[in-house]
Amino acid sequence: MLPKFEYLRIHQTKKINFYYGGSLGIHGAFVTGYGSLSAITGIEYKKLDFNTSISHFKSLKAKIDETESIGPFSQNLINLKVGLRINKFRIRIGTSILLNENAPLNQDRIPLLDLGKIADKLWLIEFQTILNRN
């Protein structure tokens, strides 16, 4: 789901770079009313990247028709990712661990909450363009 804006503060050493920051995923905020907010930390060794984030995903209440609506839904997740940097691009893959989920009583979960689920485990893939990097 695009776009996701990420700001990282990087501390460089001779061998390993440590970083922390945050991200704002405005995904479909203006069209369907959902987004995410994350706190990020990680290390980068040469071209390899190990990243962990804690994120909150929220979808707003949505109308199905004139009399019925669904939501709001929310999830809190821990995301564990490994990545590879190639010049100004990075690809990361990983998994998400569900901490908790809030959904209105007697409502089916929206399919968006299970996006990336394979065999009852949430998987993710990220493609990034790195801006302002030495």
C-alpha atoms as a PDB file:
ATOM      1  CA  MET A   1       0.000   0.000   0.000  1.00  0.00           C
ATOM      2  CA  LEU A   2       1.492   3.293  -1.049  1.00  0.00           C
ATOM      3  CA  PRO A   3       2.763   5.804  -0.134  1.00  0.00           C
ATOM      4  CA  LYS A   4       4.607   5.539   3.167  1.00  0.00           C
ATOM      5  CA  PHE A   5       6.812   8.391   4.333  1.00  0.00           C
ATOM      6  CA  GLU A   6       9.715   7.443   6.594  1.00  0.00           C
ATOM      7  CA  TYR A   7      12.127   9.726   8.439  1.00  0.00           C
ATOM      8  CA  LEU A   8      15.232   8.129   9.980  1.00  0.00           C
ATOM      9  CA  ARG A   9      17.998   9.554  12.131  1.00  0.00           C
ATOM     10  CA  ILE A  10      21.204   7.654  11.258  1.00  0.00           C
ATOM     11  CA  HIS A  11      24.257   7.287  13.526  1.00  0.00           C
ATOM     12  CA  GLN A  12      27.236   6.092  11.523  1.00  0.00           C
ATOM     13  CA  THR A  13      30.163   4.132  12.932  1.00  0.00           C
ATOM     14  CA  LYS A  14      33.072   2.542  11.073  1.00  0.00           C
ATOM     15  CA  LYS A  15      31.244  -0.763  10.503  1.00  0.00           C
ATOM     16  CA  ILE A  16      27.571  -0.473  11.492  1.00  0.00           C
ATOM     17  CA  ASN A  17      24.988   2.294  11.122  1.00  0.00           C
ATOM     18  CA  PHE A  18      22.289   2.518  13.795  1.00  0.00           C
ATOM     19  CA  TYR A  19      19.044   4.306  13.047  1.00  0.00           C
ATOM     20  CA  TYR A  20      15.684   5.222  14.531  1.00  0.00           C
ATOM     21  CA  GLY A  21      12.743   7.272  13.407  1.00  0.00           C
ATOM     22  CA  GLY A  22       9.145   7.107  12.381  1.00  0.00           C
ATOM     23  CA  SER A  23       6.864   6.570   9.438  1.00  0.00           C
ATOM     24  CA  LEU A  24       3.466   7.727   8.360  1.00  0.00           C
ATOM     25  CA  GLY A  25       1.507   5.535   5.969  1.00  0.00           C
ATOM     26  CA  ILE A  26      -1.285   7.554   4.464  1.00  0.00           C
ATOM     27  CA  HIS A  27      -2.119   4.611   2.186  1.00  0.00           C
ATOM     28  CA  GLY A  28      -5.715   5.286   1.217  1.00  0.00           C
ATOM     29  CA  ALA A  29      -6.445   7.969   3.813  1.00  0.00           C
ATOM     30  CA  PHE A  30      -8.028  10.372   1.372  1.00  0.00           C
ATOM     31  CA  VAL A  31     -10.061   7.768  -0.501  1.00  0.00           C
ATOM     32  CA  THR A  32     -10.965   4.934   1.880  1.00  0.00           C
ATOM     33  CA  GLY A  33      -9.978   6.363   5.270  1.00  0.00           C
ATOM     34  CA  TYR A  34      -7.136   4.211   6.581  1.00  0.00           C
ATOM     35  CA  GLY A  35      -3.493   4.741   7.509  1.00  0.00           C
ATOM     36  CA  SER A  36      -0.671   3.813   9.864  1.00  0.00           C
ATOM     37  CA  LEU A  37       1.878   5.322  12.225  1.00  0.00           C
ATOM     38  CA  SER A  38       5.125   3.547  13.184  1.00  0.00           C
ATOM     39  CA  ALA A  39       8.180   3.910  15.423  1.00  0.00           C
ATOM     40  CA  ILE A  40      11.265   2.371  13.775  1.00  0.00           C
ATOM     41  CA  THR A  41      14.699   1.198  14.868  1.00  0.00           C
ATOM     42  CA  GLY A  42      17.339  -0.807  13.058  1.00  0.00           C
ATOM     43  CA  ILE A  43      20.908  -1.438  12.056  1.00  0.00           C
ATOM     44  CA  GLU A  44      22.590  -1.369   8.678  1.00  0.00           C
ATOM     45  CA  TYR A  45      25.748  -3.337   7.933  1.00  0.00           C
ATOM     46  CA  LYS A  46      27.199  -2.611   4.500  1.00  0.00           C
ATOM     47  CA  LYS A  47      24.202  -3.250   2.204  1.00  0.00           C
ATOM     48  CA  LEU A  48      22.197  -5.373   4.684  1.00  0.00           C
ATOM     49  CA  ASP A  49      19.496  -3.852   6.850  1.00  0.00           C
ATOM     50  CA  PHE A  50      17.740  -5.285   9.944  1.00  0.00           C
ATOM     51  CA  ASN A  51      14.644  -3.301  10.909  1.00  0.00           C
ATOM     52  CA  THR A  52      12.032  -3.488  13.654  1.00  0.00           C
ATOM     53  CA  SER A  53       8.996  -1.266  14.031  1.00  0.00           C
ATOM     54  CA  ILE A  54       5.948  -0.979  16.224  1.00  0.00           C
ATOM     55  CA  SER A  55       2.972   0.232  14.220  1.00  0.00           C
ATOM     56  CA  HIS A  56      -0.636   1.246  14.686  1.00  0.00           C
ATOM     57  CA  PHE A  57      -3.025   0.744  11.761  1.00  0.00           C
ATOM     58  CA  LYS A  58      -6.475   2.382  11.764  1.00  0.00           C
ATOM     59  CA  SER A  59      -9.411   2.350   9.390  1.00  0.00           C
ATOM     60  CA  LEU A  60     -12.264   4.767   9.867  1.00  0.00           C
ATOM     61  CA  LYS A  61     -15.959   3.950   9.868  1.00  0.00           C
ATOM     62  CA  ALA A  62     -17.117   3.337   6.292  1.00  0.00           C
ATOM     63  CA  LYS A  63     -20.634   3.383   4.874  1.00  0.00           C
ATOM     64  CA  ILE A  64     -21.745   0.288   2.986  1.00  0.00           C
ATOM     65  CA  ASP A  65     -25.097   1.784   2.020  1.00  0.00           C
ATOM     66  CA  GLU A  66     -27.622   4.308   3.379  1.00  0.00           C
ATOM     67  CA  THR A  67     -28.449   2.228   6.471  1.00  0.00           C
ATOM     68  CA  GLU A  68     -25.313   0.208   7.187  1.00  0.00           C
ATOM     69  CA  SER A  69     -21.671   0.986   7.930  1.00  0.00           C
ATOM     70  CA  ILE A  70     -18.624  -0.967   9.088  1.00  0.00           C
ATOM     71  CA  GLY A  71     -15.686  -0.150  11.349  1.00  0.00           C
ATOM     72  CA  PRO A  72     -13.685   1.448  12.675  1.00  0.00           C
ATOM     73  CA  PHE A  73     -10.965  -1.231  12.873  1.00  0.00           C
ATOM     74  CA  SER A  74      -7.444  -0.984  14.290  1.00  0.00           C
ATOM     75  CA  GLN A  75      -4.381  -3.155  14.851  1.00  0.00           C
ATOM     76  CA  ASN A  76      -1.100  -2.826  16.733  1.00  0.00           C
ATOM     77  CA  LEU A  77       1.790  -4.802  15.251  1.00  0.00           C
ATOM     78  CA  ILE A  78       5.495  -5.513  15.636  1.00  0.00           C
ATOM     79  CA  ASN A  79       7.165  -5.721  12.216  1.00  0.00           C
ATOM     80  CA  LEU A  80      10.463  -7.572  11.758  1.00  0.00           C
ATOM     81  CA  LYS A  81      12.227  -7.000   8.422  1.00  0.00           C
ATOM     82  CA  VAL A  82      15.501  -7.711   6.661  1.00  0.00           C
ATOM     83  CA  GLY A  83      16.550  -5.612   3.699  1.00  0.00           C
ATOM     84  CA  LEU A  84      19.101  -5.150   0.958  1.00  0.00           C
ATOM     85  CA  ARG A  85      20.239  -1.725  -0.309  1.00  0.00           C
ATOM     86  CA  ILE A  86      21.240  -1.286  -3.944  1.00  0.00           C
ATOM     87  CA  ASN A  87      22.460   2.286  -4.551  1.00  0.00           C
ATOM     88  CA  LYS A  88      19.512   4.562  -3.668  1.00  0.00           C
ATOM     89  CA  PHE A  89      16.965   1.728  -3.453  1.00  0.00           C
ATOM     90  CA  ARG A  90      16.131  -0.804  -0.740  1.00  0.00           C
ATOM     91  CA  ILE A  91      13.960  -3.888  -0.676  1.00  0.00           C
ATOM     92  CA  ARG A  92      12.807  -5.328   2.662  1.00  0.00           C
ATOM     93  CA  ILE A  93      10.893  -8.501   3.473  1.00  0.00           C
ATOM     94  CA  GLY A  94       9.615  -9.665   6.819  1.00  0.00           C
ATOM     95  CA  THR A  95       6.749 -10.645   9.032  1.00  0.00           C
ATOM     96  CA  SER A  96       4.314  -8.891  11.333  1.00  0.00           C
ATOM     97  CA  ILE A  97       3.293 -10.053  14.788  1.00  0.00           C
ATOM     98  CA  LEU A  98      -0.189  -8.978  15.837  1.00  0.00           C
ATOM     99  CA  LEU A  99      -0.214  -7.472  19.346  1.00  0.00           C
ATOM    100  CA  ASN A 100      -3.907  -6.613  19.492  1.00  0.00           C
ATOM    101  CA  GLU A 101      -6.852  -5.837  17.271  1.00  0.00           C
ATOM    102  CA  ASN A 102      -9.990  -3.788  17.824  1.00  0.00           C
ATOM    103  CA  ALA A 103     -13.135  -4.367  15.820  1.00  0.00           C
ATOM    104  CA  PRO A 104     -16.796  -3.558  16.466  1.00  0.00           C
ATOM    105  CA  LEU A 105     -18.838  -6.408  17.913  1.00  0.00           C
ATOM    106  CA  ASN A 106     -20.803  -8.602  15.484  1.00  0.00           C
ATOM    107  CA  GLN A 107     -18.902  -7.327  12.434  1.00  0.00           C
ATOM    108  CA  ASP A 108     -16.773  -9.341  10.049  1.00  0.00           C
ATOM    109  CA  ARG A 109     -13.170  -8.223   9.777  1.00  0.00           C
ATOM    110  CA  ILE A 110     -12.380  -6.246   6.659  1.00  0.00           C
ATOM    111  CA  PRO A 111     -10.103  -8.076   4.169  1.00  0.00           C
ATOM    112  CA  LEU A 112      -7.543  -5.254   4.418  1.00  0.00           C
ATOM    113  CA  LEU A 113      -6.605  -6.507   7.921  1.00  0.00           C
ATOM    114  CA  ASP A 114      -5.449  -9.800   6.412  1.00  0.00           C
ATOM    115  CA  LEU A 115      -3.554  -8.358   3.453  1.00  0.00           C
ATOM    116  CA  GLY A 116      -0.303 -10.327   3.186  1.00  0.00           C
ATOM    117  CA  LYS A 117      -1.510 -13.230   5.321  1.00  0.00           C
ATOM    118  CA  ILE A 118      -0.111 -16.615   4.275  1.00  0.00           C
ATOM    119  CA  ALA A 119      -0.814 -19.701   6.451  1.00  0.00           C
ATOM    120  CA  ASP A 120      -2.067 -17.525   9.353  1.00  0.00           C
ATOM    121  CA  LYS A 121       1.094 -15.376   9.366  1.00  0.00           C
ATOM    122  CA  LEU A 122       1.304 -11.785   8.119  1.00  0.00           C
ATOM    123  CA  TRP A 123       4.121 -11.218   5.595  1.00  0.00           C
ATOM    124  CA  LEU A 124       5.252  -7.947   4.083  1.00  0.00           C
ATOM    125  CA  ILE A 125       7.468  -6.606   1.346  1.00  0.00           C
ATOM    126  CA  GLU A 126       8.684  -3.014   0.989  1.00  0.00           C
ATOM    127  CA  PHE A 127      10.335  -1.174  -1.876  1.00  0.00           C
ATOM    128  CA  GLN A 128      12.003   2.120  -0.946  1.00  0.00           C
ATOM    129  CA  THR A 129      13.732   4.989  -2.634  1.00  0.00           C
ATOM    130  CA  ILE A 130      16.336   6.554  -0.330  1.00  0.00           C
ATOM    131  CA  LEU A 131      16.536  10.357  -0.454  1.00  0.00           C
ATOM    132  CA  ASN A 132      19.310  12.574   0.977  1.00  0.00           C
ATOM    133  CA  ARG A 133      21.756   9.747   1.645  1.00  0.00           C
ATOM    134  CA  ASN A 134      25.552  10.169   1.544  1.00  0.00           C
END
